[in-house]
């Protein structure tokens, strides 16, 4: 159950960090931040950061159990 709670938190963390780094013109090295286009909107995204953020949030929730 904690995993399903951690995924949205990982998404929020990814969006905020990618927005800050990507809007400055950097790709973030290992994070490989890119601009994704969804319908008429553009957003900055990073899959490695999403997986790391979700794992971090899941680990913290498991520790609180």
N, C-alpha and C. Protein backbone atom coordinates (compact mmCIF):
# COMPACT_ATOMS: atom_id res chain seq x y z
N UNK A 1 0.81 -1.19 0.00
CA UNK A 1 0.00 0.00 0.00
C UNK A 1 0.86 1.27 0.00
N UNK A 2 2.01 1.18 0.69
CA UNK A 2 2.88 2.35 0.76
C UNK A 2 3.42 2.73 -0.61
N UNK A 3 3.60 1.72 -1.46
CA UNK A 3 4.13 2.02 -2.80
C UNK A 3 3.16 2.90 -3.58
N UNK A 4 1.88 2.65 -3.47
CA UNK A 4 0.89 3.44 -4.20
C UNK A 4 0.79 4.87 -3.67
N UNK A 5 1.14 5.05 -2.40
CA UNK A 5 1.19 6.40 -1.84
C UNK A 5 2.47 7.11 -2.25
N UNK A 6 3.54 6.34 -2.50
CA UNK A 6 4.84 6.93 -2.81
C UNK A 6 4.94 7.40 -4.26
N UNK A 7 4.22 6.79 -5.18
CA UNK A 7 4.32 7.14 -6.60
C UNK A 7 3.91 8.60 -6.88
N UNK A 8 2.79 9.10 -6.35
CA UNK A 8 2.49 10.52 -6.59
C UNK A 8 3.53 11.46 -5.97
N UNK A 9 4.07 11.10 -4.82
CA UNK A 9 5.10 11.92 -4.20
C UNK A 9 6.37 11.95 -5.05
N UNK A 10 6.71 10.80 -5.64
CA UNK A 10 7.86 10.76 -6.55
C UNK A 10 7.61 11.60 -7.79
N UNK A 11 6.38 11.62 -8.28
CA UNK A 11 6.03 12.45 -9.43
C UNK A 11 6.12 13.93 -9.13
N UNK A 12 5.67 14.32 -7.96
CA UNK A 12 5.75 15.73 -7.57
C UNK A 12 7.20 16.16 -7.43
N UNK A 13 8.00 15.32 -6.76
CA UNK A 13 9.42 15.63 -6.61
C UNK A 13 10.11 15.75 -7.96
N UNK A 14 9.80 14.83 -8.87
CA UNK A 14 10.40 14.86 -10.20
C UNK A 14 10.02 16.12 -10.96
N UNK A 15 8.75 16.47 -10.91
CA UNK A 15 8.30 17.67 -11.63
C UNK A 15 8.98 18.93 -11.12
N UNK A 16 9.06 19.07 -9.80
CA UNK A 16 9.63 20.30 -9.22
C UNK A 16 11.13 20.39 -9.52
N UNK A 17 11.87 19.32 -9.29
CA UNK A 17 13.32 19.34 -9.52
C UNK A 17 13.62 19.50 -11.01
N UNK A 18 12.89 18.79 -11.86
CA UNK A 18 13.11 18.90 -13.30
C UNK A 18 12.77 20.28 -13.82
N UNK A 19 11.74 20.89 -13.28
CA UNK A 19 11.37 22.24 -13.70
C UNK A 19 12.47 23.23 -13.36
N UNK A 20 13.02 23.12 -12.16
CA UNK A 20 14.07 24.04 -11.74
C UNK A 20 15.33 23.84 -12.56
N UNK A 21 15.77 22.61 -12.73
CA UNK A 21 17.02 22.35 -13.46
C UNK A 21 16.83 22.53 -14.97
N UNK A 22 15.73 22.01 -15.52
CA UNK A 22 15.50 22.07 -16.96
C UNK A 22 15.24 23.47 -17.48
N UNK A 23 14.59 24.30 -16.71
CA UNK A 23 14.30 25.65 -17.18
C UNK A 23 15.55 26.52 -17.24
N UNK A 24 16.61 26.10 -16.57
CA UNK A 24 17.88 26.83 -16.62
C UNK A 24 18.73 26.41 -17.81
N UNK A 25 18.27 25.45 -18.60
CA UNK A 25 18.98 25.03 -19.80
C UNK A 25 19.88 23.83 -19.60
N UNK A 26 19.89 23.26 -18.40
CA UNK A 26 20.75 22.11 -18.12
C UNK A 26 19.98 20.82 -18.34
N UNK A 27 20.69 19.75 -18.63
CA UNK A 27 20.07 18.43 -18.80
C UNK A 27 20.22 17.59 -17.55
N UNK A 28 20.98 18.06 -16.58
CA UNK A 28 21.09 17.37 -15.30
C UNK A 28 22.02 16.18 -15.31
N UNK A 29 22.84 16.01 -16.32
CA UNK A 29 23.79 14.89 -16.36
C UNK A 29 23.08 13.56 -16.35
N UNK A 30 23.30 12.79 -15.30
CA UNK A 30 22.72 11.45 -15.18
C UNK A 30 21.20 11.48 -15.13
N UNK A 31 20.62 12.59 -14.69
CA UNK A 31 19.17 12.68 -14.58
C UNK A 31 18.48 12.69 -15.93
N UNK A 32 19.18 13.08 -16.97
CA UNK A 32 18.66 13.16 -18.35
C UNK A 32 17.28 13.81 -18.40
N UNK A 33 17.22 15.04 -17.98
CA UNK A 33 15.97 15.81 -17.96
C UNK A 33 15.65 16.26 -19.38
N UNK A 34 14.42 16.08 -19.79
CA UNK A 34 14.00 16.50 -21.12
C UNK A 34 12.63 17.17 -21.04
N UNK A 35 12.32 17.92 -22.08
CA UNK A 35 11.03 18.61 -22.15
C UNK A 35 10.04 17.70 -22.88
N UNK A 36 8.99 17.30 -22.19
CA UNK A 36 7.97 16.44 -22.76
C UNK A 36 6.77 17.28 -23.17
N UNK A 37 6.18 16.96 -24.30
CA UNK A 37 4.99 17.67 -24.77
C UNK A 37 3.79 16.75 -24.65
N UNK A 38 2.81 17.19 -23.87
CA UNK A 38 1.58 16.43 -23.71
C UNK A 38 0.42 17.32 -24.13
N UNK A 39 -0.23 16.94 -25.22
CA UNK A 39 -1.30 17.73 -25.82
C UNK A 39 -0.78 19.12 -26.14
N UNK A 40 -1.25 20.16 -25.49
CA UNK A 40 -0.78 21.51 -25.76
C UNK A 40 0.17 22.02 -24.69
N UNK A 41 0.53 21.17 -23.75
CA UNK A 41 1.35 21.58 -22.61
C UNK A 41 2.75 21.01 -22.72
N UNK A 42 3.71 21.72 -22.17
CA UNK A 42 5.08 21.24 -22.10
C UNK A 42 5.49 21.15 -20.64
N UNK A 43 6.17 20.07 -20.29
CA UNK A 43 6.66 19.93 -18.94
C UNK A 43 8.03 19.26 -18.97
N UNK A 44 8.81 19.51 -17.93
CA UNK A 44 10.14 18.92 -17.81
C UNK A 44 10.00 17.63 -17.03
N UNK A 45 10.70 16.56 -17.49
CA UNK A 45 10.55 15.25 -16.87
C UNK A 45 11.86 14.49 -16.88
N UNK A 46 12.01 13.56 -15.94
CA UNK A 46 13.18 12.71 -15.83
C UNK A 46 12.76 11.37 -15.24
N UNK A 47 12.89 10.31 -16.02
CA UNK A 47 12.52 8.99 -15.51
C UNK A 47 13.45 8.49 -14.41
N UNK A 48 14.78 8.66 -14.53
CA UNK A 48 15.63 8.22 -13.41
C UNK A 48 15.31 8.94 -12.10
N UNK A 49 15.01 10.23 -12.19
CA UNK A 49 14.65 10.98 -10.98
C UNK A 49 13.31 10.52 -10.44
N UNK A 50 12.37 10.17 -11.30
CA UNK A 50 11.08 9.67 -10.85
C UNK A 50 11.22 8.35 -10.09
N UNK A 51 12.03 7.43 -10.63
CA UNK A 51 12.22 6.15 -9.95
C UNK A 51 12.96 6.33 -8.62
N UNK A 52 13.96 7.19 -8.60
CA UNK A 52 14.70 7.44 -7.36
C UNK A 52 13.83 8.14 -6.33
N UNK A 53 13.04 9.11 -6.74
CA UNK A 53 12.15 9.82 -5.81
C UNK A 53 11.05 8.91 -5.26
N UNK A 54 10.51 8.05 -6.12
CA UNK A 54 9.49 7.11 -5.65
C UNK A 54 10.08 6.10 -4.68
N UNK A 55 11.29 5.62 -4.97
CA UNK A 55 11.95 4.67 -4.07
C UNK A 55 12.27 5.33 -2.73
N UNK A 56 12.70 6.58 -2.76
CA UNK A 56 13.00 7.30 -1.53
C UNK A 56 11.73 7.49 -0.69
N UNK A 57 10.63 7.92 -1.31
CA UNK A 57 9.38 8.10 -0.59
C UNK A 57 8.86 6.77 -0.05
N UNK A 58 9.00 5.70 -0.83
CA UNK A 58 8.55 4.37 -0.39
C UNK A 58 9.38 3.90 0.80
N UNK A 59 10.69 4.11 0.74
CA UNK A 59 11.55 3.73 1.85
C UNK A 59 11.23 4.47 3.12
N UNK A 60 10.97 5.76 3.02
CA UNK A 60 10.61 6.55 4.21
C UNK A 60 9.28 6.07 4.80
N UNK A 61 8.32 5.76 3.93
CA UNK A 61 7.03 5.25 4.43
C UNK A 61 7.17 3.88 5.07
N UNK A 62 8.06 3.05 4.53
CA UNK A 62 8.28 1.73 5.13
C UNK A 62 8.95 1.86 6.50
N UNK A 63 9.83 2.85 6.65
CA UNK A 63 10.48 3.06 7.95
C UNK A 63 9.48 3.53 9.00
N UNK A 64 8.46 4.25 8.60
CA UNK A 64 7.46 4.76 9.53
C UNK A 64 6.45 3.71 9.93
N UNK A 65 6.46 2.59 9.26
CA UNK A 65 5.50 1.54 9.50
C UNK A 65 5.65 0.92 10.85
